[in-house]
Amino acid sequence: MNEKEKLEKLEYYKILESISQFTKSEVAKELINEIKPFKYKDLALRRGELISAAKRLLIDRIYPPETFDYDIKAILEKSRIEGLFLSGKD
């Protein structure tokens, strides 16, 4: 069984579809559908910590702007490159 078949059996893509129903932005839906499972446990745990921090911000009622619908893919791609930092202009 290849990886795609395993993910289908686990209904991984259905889960992503369910998650994407909570967003208003098409860009966000695209990003959600591009999510891949983690291969390393420590990376998954670190991302979980970041999600917990974001959840605490929401609980404290520090919401992101609702009109946040511009395409941020280019900025996200730059942020994934080791040793590259975003400038204030980005």
N, C-alpha and C. Protein backbone atom coordinates (compact mmCIF):
# COMPACT_ATOMS: atom_id res chain seq x y z
N MET A 1 0.85 -1.17 0.00
CA MET A 1 0.00 0.00 0.00
C MET A 1 0.90 1.24 0.00
N ASN A 2 0.70 2.13 -0.99
CA ASN A 2 1.52 3.33 -1.05
C ASN A 2 0.99 4.39 -0.06
N GLU A 3 1.73 5.48 0.05
CA GLU A 3 1.38 6.50 1.05
C GLU A 3 0.00 7.13 0.80
N LYS A 4 -0.32 7.39 -0.47
CA LYS A 4 -1.62 8.00 -0.78
C LYS A 4 -2.76 7.05 -0.38
N GLU A 5 -2.60 5.78 -0.64
CA GLU A 5 -3.64 4.81 -0.26
C GLU A 5 -3.79 4.74 1.26
N LYS A 6 -2.67 4.81 1.97
CA LYS A 6 -2.72 4.80 3.44
C LYS A 6 -3.50 6.02 3.96
N LEU A 7 -3.21 7.19 3.38
CA LEU A 7 -3.89 8.42 3.81
C LEU A 7 -5.38 8.35 3.49
N GLU A 8 -5.72 7.78 2.35
CA GLU A 8 -7.14 7.64 2.00
C GLU A 8 -7.84 6.69 2.98
N LYS A 9 -7.16 5.61 3.34
CA LYS A 9 -7.75 4.65 4.28
C LYS A 9 -7.98 5.30 5.65
N LEU A 10 -7.08 6.18 6.04
CA LEU A 10 -7.21 6.90 7.30
C LEU A 10 -8.17 8.09 7.19
N GLU A 11 -8.71 8.32 6.00
CA GLU A 11 -9.61 9.43 5.71
C GLU A 11 -8.95 10.78 5.97
N TYR A 12 -7.66 10.84 5.72
CA TYR A 12 -6.87 12.05 5.92
C TYR A 12 -7.42 13.22 5.10
N TYR A 13 -7.74 12.95 3.84
CA TYR A 13 -8.23 14.02 2.96
C TYR A 13 -9.61 14.51 3.38
N LYS A 14 -10.42 13.65 3.94
CA LYS A 14 -11.73 14.06 4.46
C LYS A 14 -11.55 14.98 5.66
N ILE A 15 -10.55 14.70 6.48
CA ILE A 15 -10.26 15.54 7.64
C ILE A 15 -9.84 16.94 7.18
N LEU A 16 -8.97 17.00 6.17
CA LEU A 16 -8.55 18.30 5.64
C LEU A 16 -9.73 19.07 5.08
N GLU A 17 -10.62 18.38 4.39
CA GLU A 17 -11.82 19.02 3.85
C GLU A 17 -12.68 19.58 4.98
N SER A 18 -12.83 18.83 6.05
CA SER A 18 -13.62 19.29 7.20
C SER A 18 -12.99 20.54 7.82
N ILE A 19 -11.67 20.54 7.96
CA ILE A 19 -10.97 21.68 8.53
C ILE A 19 -11.14 22.91 7.63
N SER A 20 -11.07 22.70 6.33
CA SER A 20 -11.14 23.85 5.41
C SER A 20 -12.51 24.52 5.43
N GLN A 21 -13.52 23.87 5.96
CA GLN A 21 -14.85 24.47 6.05
C GLN A 21 -14.89 25.62 7.06
N PHE A 22 -13.88 25.73 7.92
CA PHE A 22 -13.85 26.77 8.94
C PHE A 22 -13.18 28.06 8.48
N THR A 23 -12.75 28.12 7.24
CA THR A 23 -12.08 29.32 6.74
C THR A 23 -12.92 30.01 5.68
N LYS A 24 -12.73 31.30 5.56
CA LYS A 24 -13.46 32.09 4.55
C LYS A 24 -12.61 32.30 3.31
N SER A 25 -11.31 32.20 3.44
CA SER A 25 -10.38 32.53 2.38
C SER A 25 -10.07 31.32 1.49
N GLU A 26 -10.09 31.54 0.18
CA GLU A 26 -9.72 30.47 -0.75
C GLU A 26 -8.24 30.11 -0.62
N VAL A 27 -7.41 31.11 -0.34
CA VAL A 27 -5.98 30.86 -0.16
C VAL A 27 -5.76 29.95 1.04
N ALA A 28 -6.48 30.22 2.13
CA ALA A 28 -6.36 29.37 3.32
C ALA A 28 -6.82 27.95 3.03
N LYS A 29 -7.90 27.81 2.26
CA LYS A 29 -8.37 26.47 1.89
C LYS A 29 -7.32 25.72 1.08
N GLU A 30 -6.68 26.42 0.16
CA GLU A 30 -5.61 25.80 -0.63
C GLU A 30 -4.46 25.35 0.26
N LEU A 31 -4.07 26.22 1.19
CA LEU A 31 -2.98 25.87 2.11
C LEU A 31 -3.34 24.66 2.97
N ILE A 32 -4.57 24.60 3.43
CA ILE A 32 -5.01 23.46 4.24
C ILE A 32 -4.94 22.18 3.42
N ASN A 33 -5.38 22.22 2.17
CA ASN A 33 -5.37 21.03 1.32
C ASN A 33 -3.96 20.58 0.93
N GLU A 34 -2.98 21.45 1.12
CA GLU A 34 -1.58 21.10 0.83
C GLU A 34 -0.85 20.52 2.04
N ILE A 35 -1.51 20.48 3.19
CA ILE A 35 -0.88 19.98 4.41
C ILE A 35 -0.54 18.50 4.26
N LYS A 36 0.65 18.14 4.65
CA LYS A 36 1.11 16.74 4.63
C LYS A 36 1.41 16.30 6.06
N PRO A 37 1.25 15.01 6.33
CA PRO A 37 1.56 14.52 7.69
C PRO A 37 3.05 14.69 8.01
N PHE A 38 3.34 14.84 9.30
CA PHE A 38 4.73 14.96 9.74
C PHE A 38 5.42 13.60 9.70
N LYS A 39 6.68 13.60 9.33
CA LYS A 39 7.45 12.36 9.33
C LYS A 39 8.22 12.19 10.64
N TYR A 40 8.40 13.28 11.37
CA TYR A 40 9.20 13.23 12.59
C TYR A 40 8.38 13.68 13.79
N LYS A 41 8.43 12.89 14.83
CA LYS A 41 7.64 13.15 16.04
C LYS A 41 8.00 14.49 16.67
N ASP A 42 9.30 14.83 16.76
CA ASP A 42 9.70 16.08 17.41
C ASP A 42 9.18 17.30 16.67
N LEU A 43 9.10 17.22 15.35
CA LEU A 43 8.54 18.33 14.58
C LEU A 43 7.04 18.47 14.85
N ALA A 44 6.35 17.34 14.90
CA ALA A 44 4.91 17.37 15.20
C ALA A 44 4.66 17.96 16.58
N LEU A 45 5.48 17.59 17.56
CA LEU A 45 5.32 18.12 18.92
C LEU A 45 5.57 19.62 18.95
N ARG A 46 6.58 20.10 18.23
CA ARG A 46 6.88 21.54 18.19
C ARG A 46 5.73 22.31 17.55
N ARG A 47 5.19 21.78 16.47
CA ARG A 47 4.07 22.44 15.82
C ARG A 47 2.85 22.46 16.75
N GLY A 48 2.69 21.40 17.53
CA GLY A 48 1.60 21.36 18.51
C GLY A 48 1.75 22.45 19.54
N GLU A 49 2.99 22.72 19.96
CA GLU A 49 3.24 23.81 20.91
C GLU A 49 2.87 25.17 20.29
N LEU A 50 3.19 25.35 19.02
CA LEU A 50 2.85 26.60 18.34
C LEU A 50 1.33 26.76 18.22
N ILE A 51 0.65 25.68 17.94
CA ILE A 51 -0.82 25.73 17.86
C ILE A 51 -1.41 26.06 19.22
N SER A 52 -0.84 25.50 20.28
CA SER A 52 -1.32 25.80 21.63
C SER A 52 -1.14 27.28 21.94
N ALA A 53 -0.01 27.86 21.50
CA ALA A 53 0.22 29.29 21.73
C ALA A 53 -0.80 30.12 20.97
N ALA A 54 -1.11 29.73 19.73
CA ALA A 54 -2.12 30.45 18.95
C ALA A 54 -3.49 30.33 19.62
N LYS A 55 -3.77 29.16 20.15
CA LYS A 55 -5.06 28.95 20.84
C LYS A 55 -5.16 29.86 22.06
N ARG A 56 -4.06 30.02 22.78
CA ARG A 56 -4.07 30.91 23.95
C ARG A 56 -4.36 32.35 23.53
N LEU A 57 -3.84 32.78 22.38
CA LEU A 57 -4.13 34.12 21.88
C LEU A 57 -5.62 34.28 21.59
N LEU A 58 -6.22 33.26 21.00
CA LEU A 58 -7.66 33.32 20.72
C LEU A 58 -8.47 33.33 22.00
N ILE A 59 -8.07 32.55 22.98
CA ILE A 59 -8.77 32.53 24.27
C ILE A 59 -8.69 33.90 24.93
N ASP A 60 -7.54 34.56 24.79
CA ASP A 60 -7.35 35.90 25.35
C ASP A 60 -7.98 36.98 24.46
N ARG A 61 -8.70 36.55 23.43
CA ARG A 61 -9.43 37.42 22.51
C ARG A 61 -8.52 38.37 21.71
N ILE A 62 -7.37 37.85 21.31
CA ILE A 62 -6.49 38.59 20.41
C ILE A 62 -6.68 37.94 19.04
N TYR A 63 -7.65 38.45 18.29
CA TYR A 63 -8.03 37.83 17.03
C TYR A 63 -7.25 38.42 15.86
N PRO A 64 -6.95 37.59 14.85
CA PRO A 64 -6.38 38.14 13.61
C PRO A 64 -7.46 38.91 12.88
N PRO A 65 -7.09 39.86 12.03
CA PRO A 65 -8.11 40.63 11.31
C PRO A 65 -8.93 39.74 10.39
N GLU A 66 -10.24 39.98 10.33
CA GLU A 66 -11.11 39.17 9.47
C GLU A 66 -10.87 39.41 8.00
N THR A 67 -10.34 40.56 7.66
CA THR A 67 -10.10 40.89 6.26
C THR A 67 -8.75 40.38 5.78
N PHE A 68 -8.15 39.49 6.50
CA PHE A 68 -6.85 38.93 6.15
C PHE A 68 -7.05 37.89 5.05
N ASP A 69 -7.16 38.37 3.79
CA ASP A 69 -7.45 37.45 2.70
C ASP A 69 -6.49 37.59 1.52
N TYR A 70 -5.40 38.30 1.70
CA TYR A 70 -4.47 38.40 0.60
C TYR A 70 -3.58 37.16 0.56
N ASP A 71 -2.97 36.92 -0.58
CA ASP A 71 -2.18 35.71 -0.80
C ASP A 71 -0.82 35.85 -0.12
N ILE A 72 -0.58 35.02 0.89
CA ILE A 72 0.67 35.10 1.64
C ILE A 72 1.61 33.94 1.31
N LYS A 73 1.32 33.21 0.25
CA LYS A 73 2.15 32.04 -0.10
C LYS A 73 3.62 32.40 -0.28
N ALA A 74 3.90 33.50 -0.97
CA ALA A 74 5.29 33.89 -1.22
C ALA A 74 6.02 34.15 0.09
N ILE A 75 5.36 34.82 1.02
CA ILE A 75 5.98 35.10 2.32
C ILE A 75 6.19 33.81 3.09
N LEU A 76 5.21 32.92 3.05
CA LEU A 76 5.36 31.64 3.74
C LEU A 76 6.50 30.82 3.17
N GLU A 77 6.64 30.83 1.85
CA GLU A 77 7.73 30.10 1.22
C GLU A 77 9.09 30.66 1.66
N LYS A 78 9.21 31.98 1.73
CA LYS A 78 10.46 32.59 2.18
C LYS A 78 10.76 32.21 3.62
N SER A 79 9.73 32.07 4.43
CA SER A 79 9.95 31.77 5.84
C SER A 79 10.40 30.34 6.06
N ARG A 80 10.25 29.48 5.08
CA ARG A 80 10.64 28.07 5.20
C ARG A 80 12.10 27.83 4.86
N ILE A 81 12.77 28.83 4.29
CA ILE A 81 14.16 28.65 3.88
C ILE A 81 15.07 28.90 5.06
N GLU A 82 15.91 27.90 5.37
CA GLU A 82 16.83 27.98 6.49
C GLU A 82 17.75 29.19 6.35
N GLY A 83 17.81 30.03 7.35
CA GLY A 83 18.73 31.16 7.36
C GLY A 83 18.22 32.40 6.66
N LEU A 84 17.02 32.39 6.09
CA LEU A 84 16.47 33.55 5.43
C LEU A 84 15.47 34.23 6.36
N PHE A 85 15.58 35.53 6.49
CA PHE A 85 14.71 36.27 7.38
C PHE A 85 13.86 37.25 6.59
N LEU A 86 12.65 37.47 7.03
CA LEU A 86 11.77 38.43 6.38
C LEU A 86 12.15 39.83 6.80
N SER A 87 12.05 40.75 5.88
CA SER A 87 12.29 42.16 6.22
C SER A 87 10.97 42.80 6.58
N GLY A 88 11.01 44.01 7.11
CA GLY A 88 9.80 44.74 7.45
C GLY A 88 8.95 45.03 6.23
N LYS A 89 9.57 45.12 5.05
CA LYS A 89 8.85 45.38 3.81
C LYS A 89 8.02 44.18 3.38
N ASP A 90 8.47 42.98 3.75
CA ASP A 90 7.76 41.74 3.38
C ASP A 90 6.50 41.63 4.19
